[in-house]
């Protein structure tokens, strides 16, 4: 703030009023009073005023500088926070997309495995049916009851062994199928624990 300027006014004239003539006193012309000239007093700025003005200007500048710095700092923090929020949102979207892909892949593996198991069941059933038909044809050509009992015993033993073998194969395939179908989901869970477990 600049110090006040010295005033350089022109002197003011103060004119006295003109009195009307006083006829009672015997004065017939107006009375005139001399004009006074008053010079203005020069105003010198006070040193304390100047110091106060300089200090006020300094405080105002410092205050404005602090406000500007705080606004810049706040804007930077808001931008950083928004960038982090956007990155987190993108990660969640990407993570959700990966989860959907894992579920789809798991479903495809499961369906393919069930088709394979169904084909295996069908092949086993057809083989069992063909063996039963073959055994029945053999029964038709037997001549004694002992041959029939031996054939029946042999057929029952073979059928039982094949049933056990097929059951073992089906159980093994089912376990392997469950493991393969769960692999994509297990991988996503592991990924989630590794990625988001660090944040917690």
N, C-alpha and C. Protein backbone atom coordinates (compact mmCIF):
# COMPACT_ATOMS: atom_id res chain seq x y z
N UNK A 1 0.84 -1.17 0.00
CA UNK A 1 0.00 0.00 0.00
C UNK A 1 0.89 1.23 0.00
N UNK A 2 0.61 2.18 -0.86
CA UNK A 2 1.44 3.39 -0.99
C UNK A 2 1.08 4.39 0.09
N UNK A 3 2.07 5.17 0.59
CA UNK A 3 1.76 6.20 1.60
C UNK A 3 0.92 7.31 0.98
N UNK A 4 0.10 7.98 1.79
CA UNK A 4 -0.75 9.05 1.26
C UNK A 4 0.08 10.19 0.69
N UNK A 5 -0.43 10.86 -0.31
CA UNK A 5 0.26 11.97 -0.97
C UNK A 5 0.06 13.27 -0.18
N UNK A 6 1.05 14.12 -0.29
CA UNK A 6 0.92 15.44 0.36
C UNK A 6 -0.11 16.25 -0.44
N UNK A 7 -0.90 16.94 0.29
CA UNK A 7 -1.89 17.76 -0.40
C UNK A 7 -1.30 19.12 -0.74
N UNK A 8 -1.56 19.53 -1.90
CA UNK A 8 -1.12 20.87 -2.35
C UNK A 8 -2.34 21.60 -2.84
N UNK A 9 -3.15 22.04 -1.89
CA UNK A 9 -4.38 22.74 -2.26
C UNK A 9 -4.09 24.23 -2.41
N UNK A 10 -4.89 24.83 -3.21
CA UNK A 10 -4.79 26.29 -3.34
C UNK A 10 -5.47 26.91 -2.12
N UNK A 11 -4.98 28.04 -1.66
CA UNK A 11 -5.58 28.66 -0.47
C UNK A 11 -7.05 29.00 -0.73
N UNK A 12 -7.82 28.81 0.30
CA UNK A 12 -9.25 29.11 0.18
C UNK A 12 -9.51 30.52 0.71
N UNK A 13 -10.38 31.14 0.03
CA UNK A 13 -10.77 32.48 0.47
C UNK A 13 -12.06 32.36 1.23
N UNK A 14 -12.07 33.02 2.35
CA UNK A 14 -13.29 33.08 3.13
C UNK A 14 -13.75 34.53 3.10
N UNK A 15 -14.85 34.72 2.50
CA UNK A 15 -15.33 36.09 2.38
C UNK A 15 -16.34 36.38 3.48
N UNK A 16 -16.21 37.54 4.00
CA UNK A 16 -17.13 37.97 5.06
C UNK A 16 -18.42 38.45 4.42
N UNK A 17 -19.49 38.28 5.09
CA UNK A 17 -20.75 38.72 4.50
C UNK A 17 -20.82 40.26 4.40
N UNK A 18 -21.52 40.68 3.46
CA UNK A 18 -21.72 42.13 3.28
C UNK A 18 -22.97 42.48 4.06
N UNK A 19 -22.84 43.43 4.93
CA UNK A 19 -23.96 43.82 5.77
C UNK A 19 -24.80 44.89 5.04
N UNK A 20 -26.09 44.85 5.21
CA UNK A 20 -26.92 45.88 4.56
C UNK A 20 -26.69 47.25 5.22
N UNK A 21 -26.98 48.29 4.52
CA UNK A 21 -26.75 49.64 5.11
C UNK A 21 -27.63 49.82 6.34
N UNK A 22 -27.05 50.51 7.31
CA UNK A 22 -27.80 50.78 8.55
C UNK A 22 -28.22 52.25 8.52
N UNK A 23 -29.42 52.47 8.25
CA UNK A 23 -29.90 53.84 8.13
C UNK A 23 -30.08 54.48 9.49
N UNK A 24 -30.27 53.66 10.49
CA UNK A 24 -30.46 54.25 11.82
C UNK A 24 -29.16 54.85 12.30
N UNK A 25 -28.03 54.23 11.94
CA UNK A 25 -26.75 54.75 12.38
C UNK A 25 -26.25 55.81 11.43
N UNK A 26 -26.95 56.06 10.40
CA UNK A 26 -26.58 57.10 9.47
C UNK A 26 -25.65 56.60 8.39
N UNK A 27 -25.53 55.26 8.21
CA UNK A 27 -24.65 54.71 7.18
C UNK A 27 -25.57 54.38 6.01
N UNK A 28 -25.26 55.00 4.86
CA UNK A 28 -26.11 54.80 3.73
C UNK A 28 -25.53 53.82 2.71
N UNK A 29 -24.30 53.40 2.80
CA UNK A 29 -23.74 52.44 1.85
C UNK A 29 -23.44 51.12 2.57
N UNK A 30 -23.43 50.04 1.80
CA UNK A 30 -23.18 48.75 2.45
C UNK A 30 -21.78 48.71 3.06
N UNK A 31 -21.68 47.98 4.16
CA UNK A 31 -20.41 47.87 4.86
C UNK A 31 -19.71 46.61 4.34
N UNK A 32 -18.45 46.76 4.05
CA UNK A 32 -17.68 45.62 3.53
C UNK A 32 -16.62 45.25 4.54
N UNK A 33 -16.49 43.94 4.78
CA UNK A 33 -15.49 43.43 5.72
C UNK A 33 -14.36 42.86 4.88
N UNK A 34 -13.12 43.05 5.31
CA UNK A 34 -12.01 42.56 4.49
C UNK A 34 -12.05 41.03 4.36
N UNK A 35 -11.53 40.52 3.25
CA UNK A 35 -11.48 39.09 2.96
C UNK A 35 -10.28 38.48 3.64
N UNK A 36 -10.50 37.32 4.29
CA UNK A 36 -9.41 36.59 4.95
C UNK A 36 -8.96 35.46 4.04
N UNK A 37 -7.67 35.24 3.97
CA UNK A 37 -7.13 34.14 3.18
C UNK A 37 -6.54 33.13 4.15
N UNK A 38 -7.06 31.85 4.07
CA UNK A 38 -6.58 30.79 4.96
C UNK A 38 -5.84 29.77 4.11
N UNK A 39 -4.56 29.57 4.43
CA UNK A 39 -3.75 28.59 3.68
C UNK A 39 -3.92 27.22 4.33
N UNK A 40 -4.08 26.14 3.52
CA UNK A 40 -4.23 24.82 4.12
C UNK A 40 -2.92 24.37 4.76
N UNK A 41 -3.08 23.61 5.81
CA UNK A 41 -1.91 23.09 6.51
C UNK A 41 -1.46 21.83 5.79
N UNK A 42 -0.18 21.73 5.39
CA UNK A 42 0.27 20.52 4.71
C UNK A 42 0.20 19.33 5.67
N UNK A 43 -0.31 18.19 5.13
CA UNK A 43 -0.46 16.97 5.94
C UNK A 43 0.76 16.09 5.68
N UNK A 44 1.52 15.85 6.70
CA UNK A 44 2.69 14.98 6.60
C UNK A 44 2.26 13.59 7.06
N UNK A 45 2.54 12.53 6.25
CA UNK A 45 2.17 11.20 6.69
C UNK A 45 2.94 10.84 7.95
N UNK A 46 2.24 10.20 8.81
CA UNK A 46 2.80 9.76 10.08
C UNK A 46 3.69 8.54 9.84
N UNK A 47 4.85 8.48 10.43
CA UNK A 47 5.78 7.35 10.24
C UNK A 47 5.15 6.06 10.73
N UNK A 48 4.41 6.10 11.81
CA UNK A 48 3.76 4.90 12.35
C UNK A 48 2.70 4.41 11.37
N UNK A 49 1.99 5.37 10.74
CA UNK A 49 0.99 4.99 9.74
C UNK A 49 1.66 4.26 8.58
N UNK A 50 2.78 4.81 8.11
CA UNK A 50 3.50 4.16 7.01
C UNK A 50 3.97 2.77 7.39
N UNK A 51 4.53 2.62 8.61
CA UNK A 51 4.98 1.31 9.07
C UNK A 51 3.81 0.33 9.17
N UNK A 52 2.68 0.80 9.66
CA UNK A 52 1.49 -0.05 9.77
C UNK A 52 0.98 -0.47 8.40
N UNK A 53 1.02 0.45 7.45
CA UNK A 53 0.56 0.14 6.10
C UNK A 53 1.46 -0.90 5.46
N UNK A 54 2.76 -0.76 5.66
CA UNK A 54 3.72 -1.71 5.09
C UNK A 54 3.52 -3.08 5.74
N UNK A 55 3.33 -3.08 7.06
CA UNK A 55 3.13 -4.36 7.78
C UNK A 55 1.81 -5.01 7.35
N UNK A 56 0.75 -4.23 7.19
CA UNK A 56 -0.54 -4.77 6.75
C UNK A 56 -0.42 -5.36 5.35
N UNK A 57 0.32 -4.67 4.49
CA UNK A 57 0.52 -5.18 3.13
C UNK A 57 1.30 -6.49 3.18
N UNK A 58 2.32 -6.56 4.03
CA UNK A 58 3.13 -7.78 4.17
C UNK A 58 2.29 -8.94 4.70
N UNK A 59 1.46 -8.67 5.71
CA UNK A 59 0.59 -9.71 6.28
C UNK A 59 -0.42 -10.18 5.24
N UNK A 60 -0.98 -9.25 4.48
CA UNK A 60 -1.96 -9.62 3.44
C UNK A 60 -1.33 -10.50 2.38
N UNK A 61 -0.10 -10.12 1.96
CA UNK A 61 0.59 -10.93 0.95
C UNK A 61 0.90 -12.32 1.49
N UNK A 62 1.35 -12.41 2.73
CA UNK A 62 1.65 -13.72 3.33
C UNK A 62 0.38 -14.55 3.45
N UNK A 63 -0.72 -13.90 3.85
CA UNK A 63 -1.99 -14.62 3.97
C UNK A 63 -2.47 -15.14 2.63
N UNK A 64 -2.37 -14.31 1.60
CA UNK A 64 -2.77 -14.74 0.26
C UNK A 64 -1.89 -15.87 -0.25
N UNK A 65 -0.59 -15.79 0.05
CA UNK A 65 0.33 -16.84 -0.35
C UNK A 65 -0.02 -18.16 0.34
N UNK A 66 -0.35 -18.09 1.63
CA UNK A 66 -0.73 -19.30 2.38
C UNK A 66 -2.02 -19.89 1.83
N UNK A 67 -2.99 -19.04 1.56
CA UNK A 67 -4.26 -19.51 0.99
C UNK A 67 -4.03 -20.17 -0.36
N UNK A 68 -3.21 -19.55 -1.21
CA UNK A 68 -2.93 -20.12 -2.54
C UNK A 68 -2.22 -21.47 -2.40
N UNK A 69 -1.26 -21.55 -1.48
CA UNK A 69 -0.56 -22.82 -1.26
C UNK A 69 -1.52 -23.90 -0.75
N UNK A 70 -2.39 -23.54 0.17
CA UNK A 70 -3.36 -24.51 0.71
C UNK A 70 -4.34 -24.97 -0.36
N UNK A 71 -4.79 -24.07 -1.21
CA UNK A 71 -5.69 -24.45 -2.30
C UNK A 71 -4.98 -25.40 -3.26
N UNK A 72 -3.74 -25.09 -3.60
CA UNK A 72 -2.97 -25.97 -4.49
C UNK A 72 -2.76 -27.34 -3.85
N UNK A 73 -2.43 -27.35 -2.57
CA UNK A 73 -2.22 -28.61 -1.84
C UNK A 73 -3.52 -29.43 -1.82
N UNK A 74 -4.64 -28.78 -1.55
CA UNK A 74 -5.93 -29.47 -1.52
C UNK A 74 -6.28 -30.02 -2.89
N UNK A 75 -6.06 -29.24 -3.94
CA UNK A 75 -6.34 -29.71 -5.30
C UNK A 75 -5.48 -30.92 -5.63
N UNK A 76 -4.21 -30.90 -5.24
CA UNK A 76 -3.31 -32.02 -5.50
C UNK A 76 -3.79 -33.27 -4.75
N UNK A 77 -4.18 -33.10 -3.48
CA UNK A 77 -4.67 -34.25 -2.70
C UNK A 77 -5.96 -34.81 -3.29
N UNK A 78 -6.86 -33.94 -3.72
CA UNK A 78 -8.12 -34.40 -4.32
C UNK A 78 -7.83 -35.17 -5.60
N UNK A 79 -6.91 -34.65 -6.43
CA UNK A 79 -6.56 -35.34 -7.68
C UNK A 79 -5.95 -36.71 -7.38
N UNK A 80 -5.05 -36.76 -6.41
CA UNK A 80 -4.42 -38.04 -6.04
C UNK A 80 -5.47 -39.03 -5.54
N UNK A 81 -6.37 -38.57 -4.70
CA UNK A 81 -7.42 -39.43 -4.17
C UNK A 81 -8.34 -39.93 -5.28
N UNK A 82 -8.70 -39.04 -6.20
CA UNK A 82 -9.56 -39.44 -7.31
C UNK A 82 -8.86 -40.44 -8.22
N UNK A 83 -7.56 -40.24 -8.46
CA UNK A 83 -6.80 -41.19 -9.28
C UNK A 83 -6.78 -42.57 -8.63
N UNK A 84 -6.57 -42.60 -7.30
CA UNK A 84 -6.57 -43.87 -6.58
C UNK A 84 -7.94 -44.53 -6.64
N UNK A 85 -8.99 -43.73 -6.48
CA UNK A 85 -10.36 -44.27 -6.52
C UNK A 85 -10.67 -44.85 -7.90
N UNK A 86 -10.25 -44.14 -8.95
CA UNK A 86 -10.50 -44.63 -10.31
C UNK A 86 -9.72 -45.92 -10.56
N UNK A 87 -8.48 -45.96 -10.09
CA UNK A 87 -7.66 -47.16 -10.28
C UNK A 87 -8.29 -48.34 -9.54
N UNK A 88 -8.76 -48.09 -8.32
CA UNK A 88 -9.41 -49.16 -7.54
C UNK A 88 -10.68 -49.62 -8.23
N UNK A 89 -11.47 -48.69 -8.75
CA UNK A 89 -12.69 -49.07 -9.46
C UNK A 89 -12.37 -49.90 -10.70
N UNK A 90 -11.32 -49.49 -11.43
CA UNK A 90 -10.92 -50.26 -12.61
C UNK A 90 -10.45 -51.67 -12.21
N UNK A 91 -9.73 -51.76 -11.08
CA UNK A 91 -9.27 -53.07 -10.62
C UNK A 91 -10.45 -53.96 -10.24
N UNK A 92 -11.47 -53.37 -9.58
CA UNK A 92 -12.64 -54.16 -9.21
C UNK A 92 -13.41 -54.62 -10.44
N UNK A 93 -13.52 -53.75 -11.44
CA UNK A 93 -14.21 -54.14 -12.68
C UNK A 93 -13.44 -55.27 -13.35
N UNK A 94 -12.12 -55.11 -13.42
CA UNK A 94 -11.27 -56.14 -14.03
C UNK A 94 -11.36 -57.44 -13.25
N UNK A 95 -11.37 -57.33 -11.92
CA UNK A 95 -11.46 -58.52 -11.07
C UNK A 95 -12.81 -59.21 -11.29
N UNK A 96 -13.88 -58.45 -11.34
CA UNK A 96 -15.20 -59.03 -11.58
C UNK A 96 -15.27 -59.71 -12.94
N UNK A 97 -14.68 -59.08 -13.94
CA UNK A 97 -14.64 -59.66 -15.29
C UNK A 97 -13.88 -60.98 -15.26
N UNK A 98 -12.75 -61.00 -14.55
CA UNK A 98 -11.96 -62.24 -14.42
C UNK A 98 -12.74 -63.33 -13.71
N UNK A 99 -13.53 -62.94 -12.70
CA UNK A 99 -14.36 -63.92 -11.98
C UNK A 99 -15.41 -64.53 -12.90
N UNK A 100 -16.04 -63.69 -13.72
CA UNK A 100 -17.05 -64.20 -14.64
C UNK A 100 -16.42 -65.16 -15.64
N UNK A 101 -15.23 -64.79 -16.14
CA UNK A 101 -14.53 -65.68 -17.08
C UNK A 101 -14.19 -67.02 -16.41
N UNK A 102 -13.76 -66.97 -15.14
CA UNK A 102 -13.41 -68.20 -14.42
C UNK A 102 -14.65 -69.08 -14.23
N UNK A 103 -15.78 -68.47 -13.92
CA UNK A 103 -17.01 -69.24 -13.73
C UNK A 103 -17.44 -69.86 -15.06
N UNK A 104 -17.33 -69.08 -16.14
CA UNK A 104 -17.70 -69.61 -17.46
C UNK A 104 -16.79 -70.79 -17.84
N UNK A 105 -15.50 -70.64 -17.62
CA UNK A 105 -14.56 -71.70 -17.95
C UNK A 105 -14.82 -72.93 -17.10
N UNK A 106 -15.11 -72.72 -15.82
CA UNK A 106 -15.43 -73.83 -14.93
C UNK A 106 -16.68 -74.57 -15.41
N UNK A 107 -17.69 -73.81 -15.81
CA UNK A 107 -18.91 -74.42 -16.32
C UNK A 107 -18.67 -75.22 -17.59
N UNK A 108 -17.82 -74.70 -18.47
CA UNK A 108 -17.51 -75.42 -19.70
C UNK A 108 -16.78 -76.74 -19.38
N UNK A 109 -15.82 -76.67 -18.46
CA UNK A 109 -15.10 -77.90 -18.07
C UNK A 109 -16.07 -78.90 -17.48
N UNK A 110 -16.98 -78.43 -16.62
CA UNK A 110 -17.95 -79.31 -15.96
C UNK A 110 -18.86 -79.98 -16.99
N UNK A 111 -19.37 -79.19 -17.94
CA UNK A 111 -20.28 -79.74 -18.95
C UNK A 111 -19.56 -80.75 -19.84
N UNK A 112 -18.34 -80.42 -20.25
CA UNK A 112 -17.57 -81.36 -21.08
C UNK A 112 -17.31 -82.64 -20.30
N UNK A 113 -16.96 -82.52 -19.03
CA UNK A 113 -16.72 -83.69 -18.18
C UNK A 113 -17.96 -84.54 -18.01
N UNK A 114 -19.12 -83.88 -17.81
CA UNK A 114 -20.37 -84.64 -17.68
C UNK A 114 -20.71 -85.39 -18.97
N UNK A 115 -20.43 -84.75 -20.10
CA UNK A 115 -20.67 -85.43 -21.38
C UNK A 115 -19.77 -86.66 -21.49
N UNK A 116 -18.51 -86.52 -21.10
CA UNK A 116 -17.59 -87.66 -21.14
C UNK A 116 -18.05 -88.77 -20.20
N UNK A 117 -18.51 -88.37 -19.01
CA UNK A 117 -19.01 -89.38 -18.06
C UNK A 117 -20.26 -90.07 -18.61
N UNK A 118 -21.13 -89.28 -19.23
CA UNK A 118 -22.34 -89.87 -19.81
C UNK A 118 -21.99 -90.86 -20.92
N UNK A 119 -21.02 -90.50 -21.75
CA UNK A 119 -20.57 -91.41 -22.80
C UNK A 119 -19.98 -92.69 -22.19
N UNK A 120 -19.23 -92.51 -21.11
CA UNK A 120 -18.64 -93.67 -20.43
C UNK A 120 -19.73 -94.57 -19.85
N UNK A 121 -20.76 -93.95 -19.23
CA UNK A 121 -21.90 -94.74 -18.71
C UNK A 121 -22.57 -95.49 -19.84
N UNK A 122 -22.80 -94.77 -20.95
CA UNK A 122 -23.49 -95.39 -22.08
C UNK A 122 -22.67 -96.55 -22.64
N UNK A 123 -21.36 -96.37 -22.77
CA UNK A 123 -20.50 -97.44 -23.29
C UNK A 123 -20.49 -98.64 -22.34
N UNK A 124 -20.44 -98.37 -21.05
CA UNK A 124 -20.46 -99.45 -20.06
C UNK A 124 -21.78 -100.20 -20.11
N UNK A 125 -22.89 -99.44 -20.18
CA UNK A 125 -24.20 -100.07 -20.22
C UNK A 125 -24.36 -100.91 -21.49
N UNK A 126 -23.88 -100.39 -22.60
CA UNK A 126 -23.99 -101.15 -23.86
C UNK A 126 -23.14 -102.41 -23.79
N UNK A 127 -21.94 -102.31 -23.26
CA UNK A 127 -21.08 -103.49 -23.13
C UNK A 127 -21.74 -104.52 -22.22
N UNK A 128 -22.35 -104.04 -21.12
CA UNK A 128 -23.04 -104.96 -20.19
C UNK A 128 -24.23 -105.63 -20.89
N UNK A 129 -24.94 -104.85 -21.67
CA UNK A 129 -26.10 -105.40 -22.40
C UNK A 129 -25.64 -106.45 -23.41
N UNK A 130 -24.59 -106.16 -24.15
CA UNK A 130 -24.08 -107.12 -25.14
C UNK A 130 -23.60 -108.40 -24.44
N UNK A 131 -22.97 -108.26 -23.30
CA UNK A 131 -22.51 -109.44 -22.58
C UNK A 131 -23.70 -110.25 -22.05
N UNK A 132 -24.73 -109.55 -21.60
CA UNK A 132 -25.93 -110.26 -21.11
C UNK A 132 -26.60 -111.02 -22.25
N UNK A 133 -26.73 -110.38 -23.41
CA UNK A 133 -27.33 -111.03 -24.57
C UNK A 133 -26.49 -112.24 -24.98
N UNK A 134 -25.20 -112.08 -24.99
CA UNK A 134 -24.31 -113.18 -25.35
C UNK A 134 -24.45 -114.33 -24.35
N UNK A 135 -24.55 -113.99 -23.07
CA UNK A 135 -24.71 -115.02 -22.04
C UNK A 135 -26.05 -115.73 -22.22
N UNK A 136 -27.11 -115.00 -22.54
CA UNK A 136 -28.44 -115.60 -22.74
C UNK A 136 -28.41 -116.56 -23.94
N UNK A 137 -27.71 -116.18 -24.98
CA UNK A 137 -27.60 -117.06 -26.14
C UNK A 137 -26.86 -118.34 -25.75
N UNK A 138 -25.83 -118.17 -24.92
CA UNK A 138 -25.08 -119.35 -24.46
C UNK A 138 -25.98 -120.23 -23.60
N UNK A 139 -26.81 -119.60 -22.76
CA UNK A 139 -27.75 -120.38 -21.94
C UNK A 139 -28.66 -121.24 -22.79
N UNK A 140 -29.06 -120.70 -23.90
CA UNK A 140 -29.99 -121.43 -24.77
C UNK A 140 -29.37 -122.72 -25.31
N UNK A 141 -28.06 -122.76 -25.43
CA UNK A 141 -27.42 -123.95 -26.00
C UNK A 141 -26.88 -124.90 -24.93
N UNK A 142 -27.13 -124.68 -23.66
CA UNK A 142 -26.61 -125.55 -22.59
C UNK A 142 -27.42 -126.85 -22.50
N UNK A 143 -26.73 -127.92 -22.02
CA UNK A 143 -27.40 -129.21 -21.96
C UNK A 143 -27.64 -129.67 -20.54
N UNK A 144 -26.93 -129.02 -19.57
CA UNK A 144 -27.13 -129.50 -18.20
C UNK A 144 -27.30 -128.32 -17.26
N UNK A 145 -27.81 -128.64 -16.10
CA UNK A 145 -28.02 -127.62 -15.08
C UNK A 145 -26.68 -127.19 -14.51
N UNK A 146 -25.76 -128.13 -14.41
CA UNK A 146 -24.43 -127.79 -13.88
C UNK A 146 -23.77 -126.76 -14.79
N UNK A 147 -23.87 -126.92 -16.11
CA UNK A 147 -23.30 -125.95 -17.04
C UNK A 147 -23.98 -124.59 -16.87
N UNK A 148 -25.30 -124.60 -16.64
CA UNK A 148 -26.05 -123.36 -16.45
C UNK A 148 -25.60 -122.65 -15.18
N UNK A 149 -25.42 -123.44 -14.09
CA UNK A 149 -24.98 -122.85 -12.81
C UNK A 149 -23.56 -122.29 -12.96
N UNK A 150 -22.69 -123.04 -13.61
CA UNK A 150 -21.32 -122.56 -13.82
C UNK A 150 -21.31 -121.28 -14.67
N UNK A 151 -22.12 -121.29 -15.72
CA UNK A 151 -22.18 -120.10 -16.59
C UNK A 151 -22.75 -118.91 -15.82
N UNK A 152 -23.79 -119.17 -15.03
CA UNK A 152 -24.40 -118.09 -14.24
C UNK A 152 -23.40 -117.55 -13.23
N UNK A 153 -22.66 -118.42 -12.58
CA UNK A 153 -21.66 -118.01 -11.59
C UNK A 153 -20.56 -117.20 -12.25
N UNK A 154 -20.09 -117.68 -13.38
CA UNK A 154 -19.04 -116.97 -14.11
C UNK A 154 -19.55 -115.60 -14.58
N UNK A 155 -20.78 -115.55 -15.08
CA UNK A 155 -21.37 -114.29 -15.54
C UNK A 155 -21.52 -113.30 -14.38
N UNK A 156 -21.99 -113.80 -13.22
CA UNK A 156 -22.18 -112.93 -12.06
C UNK A 156 -20.83 -112.38 -11.58
N UNK A 157 -19.81 -113.26 -11.51
CA UNK A 157 -18.49 -112.84 -11.06
C UNK A 157 -17.92 -111.79 -12.01
N UNK A 158 -17.99 -112.05 -13.31
CA UNK A 158 -17.46 -111.12 -14.31
C UNK A 158 -18.21 -109.79 -14.25
N UNK A 159 -19.52 -109.86 -14.12
CA UNK A 159 -20.33 -108.63 -14.05
C UNK A 159 -19.96 -107.82 -12.80
N UNK A 160 -19.79 -108.51 -11.68
CA UNK A 160 -19.44 -107.83 -10.43
C UNK A 160 -18.06 -107.17 -10.54
N UNK A 161 -17.09 -107.88 -11.10
CA UNK A 161 -15.73 -107.33 -11.25
C UNK A 161 -15.73 -106.13 -12.19
N UNK A 162 -16.50 -106.26 -13.29
CA UNK A 162 -16.57 -105.13 -14.22
C UNK A 162 -17.27 -103.94 -13.58
N UNK A 163 -18.32 -104.23 -12.79
CA UNK A 163 -19.04 -103.15 -12.10
C UNK A 163 -18.11 -102.42 -11.13
N UNK A 164 -17.31 -103.20 -10.38
CA UNK A 164 -16.35 -102.57 -9.46
C UNK A 164 -15.32 -101.75 -10.21
N UNK A 165 -14.82 -102.32 -11.30
CA UNK A 165 -13.82 -101.62 -12.11
C UNK A 165 -14.40 -100.32 -12.68
N UNK A 166 -15.61 -100.41 -13.24
CA UNK A 166 -16.24 -99.23 -13.84
C UNK A 166 -16.57 -98.19 -12.76
N UNK A 167 -17.01 -98.66 -11.60
CA UNK A 167 -17.31 -97.72 -10.51
C UNK A 167 -16.04 -96.98 -10.09
N UNK A 168 -14.93 -97.70 -9.99
CA UNK A 168 -13.65 -97.06 -9.66
C UNK A 168 -13.24 -96.04 -10.71
N UNK A 169 -13.42 -96.41 -12.00
CA UNK A 169 -13.08 -95.49 -13.08
C UNK A 169 -13.97 -94.24 -13.03
N UNK A 170 -15.27 -94.45 -12.81
CA UNK A 170 -16.21 -93.33 -12.77
C UNK A 170 -15.90 -92.42 -11.58
N UNK A 171 -15.58 -93.03 -10.44
CA UNK A 171 -15.23 -92.22 -9.26
C UNK A 171 -13.97 -91.41 -9.53
N UNK A 172 -12.98 -92.05 -10.14
CA UNK A 172 -11.73 -91.36 -10.46
C UNK A 172 -11.98 -90.22 -11.44
N UNK A 173 -12.77 -90.50 -12.49
CA UNK A 173 -13.09 -89.45 -13.47
C UNK A 173 -13.89 -88.32 -12.83
N UNK A 174 -14.82 -88.66 -11.92
CA UNK A 174 -15.63 -87.64 -11.25
C UNK A 174 -14.77 -86.74 -10.38
N UNK A 175 -13.84 -87.34 -9.63
CA UNK A 175 -12.94 -86.56 -8.78
C UNK A 175 -12.05 -85.64 -9.63
N UNK A 176 -11.53 -86.20 -10.71
CA UNK A 176 -10.68 -85.41 -11.61
C UNK A 176 -11.48 -84.28 -12.24
N UNK A 177 -12.73 -84.58 -12.62
CA UNK A 177 -13.60 -83.56 -13.21
C UNK A 177 -13.87 -82.44 -12.21
N UNK A 178 -14.19 -82.81 -10.98
CA UNK A 178 -14.46 -81.79 -9.96
C UNK A 178 -13.23 -80.92 -9.73
N UNK A 179 -12.06 -81.53 -9.70
CA UNK A 179 -10.81 -80.80 -9.52
C UNK A 179 -10.55 -79.85 -10.69
N UNK A 180 -10.75 -80.35 -11.91
CA UNK A 180 -10.53 -79.52 -13.09
C UNK A 180 -11.54 -78.37 -13.17
N UNK A 181 -12.79 -78.68 -12.82
CA UNK A 181 -13.83 -77.65 -12.88
C UNK A 181 -13.60 -76.56 -11.84
N UNK A 182 -13.05 -76.92 -10.69
CA UNK A 182 -12.81 -75.95 -9.63
C UNK A 182 -11.50 -75.17 -9.82
N UNK A 183 -10.62 -75.65 -10.69
CA UNK A 183 -9.30 -75.02 -10.87
C UNK A 183 -9.40 -73.53 -11.22
N UNK A 184 -10.24 -73.11 -12.19
CA UNK A 184 -10.31 -71.67 -12.49
C UNK A 184 -10.83 -70.85 -11.30
N UNK A 185 -11.78 -71.38 -10.57
CA UNK A 185 -12.34 -70.66 -9.42
C UNK A 185 -11.30 -70.60 -8.30
N UNK A 186 -10.60 -71.70 -8.08
CA UNK A 186 -9.55 -71.72 -7.06
C UNK A 186 -8.45 -70.71 -7.41
N UNK A 187 -8.12 -70.63 -8.69
CA UNK A 187 -7.10 -69.65 -9.13
C UNK A 187 -7.57 -68.23 -8.85
N UNK A 188 -8.85 -67.93 -9.07
CA UNK A 188 -9.38 -66.58 -8.80
C UNK A 188 -9.37 -66.27 -7.30
N UNK A 189 -9.70 -67.28 -6.49
CA UNK A 189 -9.67 -67.06 -5.03
C UNK A 189 -8.24 -66.78 -4.59
N UNK A 190 -7.30 -67.54 -5.10
CA UNK A 190 -5.89 -67.33 -4.76
C UNK A 190 -5.45 -65.93 -5.19
N UNK A 191 -5.85 -65.54 -6.39
CA UNK A 191 -5.52 -64.22 -6.91
C UNK A 191 -6.11 -63.13 -6.00
N UNK A 192 -7.36 -63.32 -5.59
CA UNK A 192 -8.03 -62.31 -4.73
C UNK A 192 -7.30 -62.19 -3.38
N UNK A 193 -6.93 -63.33 -2.82
CA UNK A 193 -6.25 -63.30 -1.53
C UNK A 193 -4.90 -62.60 -1.66
N UNK A 194 -4.17 -62.89 -2.73
CA UNK A 194 -2.87 -62.25 -2.94
C UNK A 194 -3.01 -60.76 -3.19
N UNK A 195 -3.98 -60.38 -4.03
CA UNK A 195 -4.12 -58.96 -4.42
C UNK A 195 -4.75 -58.11 -3.33
N UNK A 196 -5.88 -58.58 -2.82
CA UNK A 196 -6.62 -57.75 -1.87
C UNK A 196 -6.27 -58.05 -0.42
N UNK A 197 -5.60 -59.18 -0.18
CA UNK A 197 -5.16 -59.49 1.17
C UNK A 197 -4.07 -58.54 1.63
N UNK A 198 -3.26 -58.02 0.71
CA UNK A 198 -2.20 -57.07 1.03
C UNK A 198 -2.79 -55.76 1.55
N UNK A 199 -3.91 -55.33 0.95
CA UNK A 199 -4.52 -54.06 1.34
C UNK A 199 -5.07 -54.10 2.75
N UNK A 200 -5.53 -55.28 3.17
CA UNK A 200 -6.10 -55.40 4.51
C UNK A 200 -4.98 -55.54 5.48
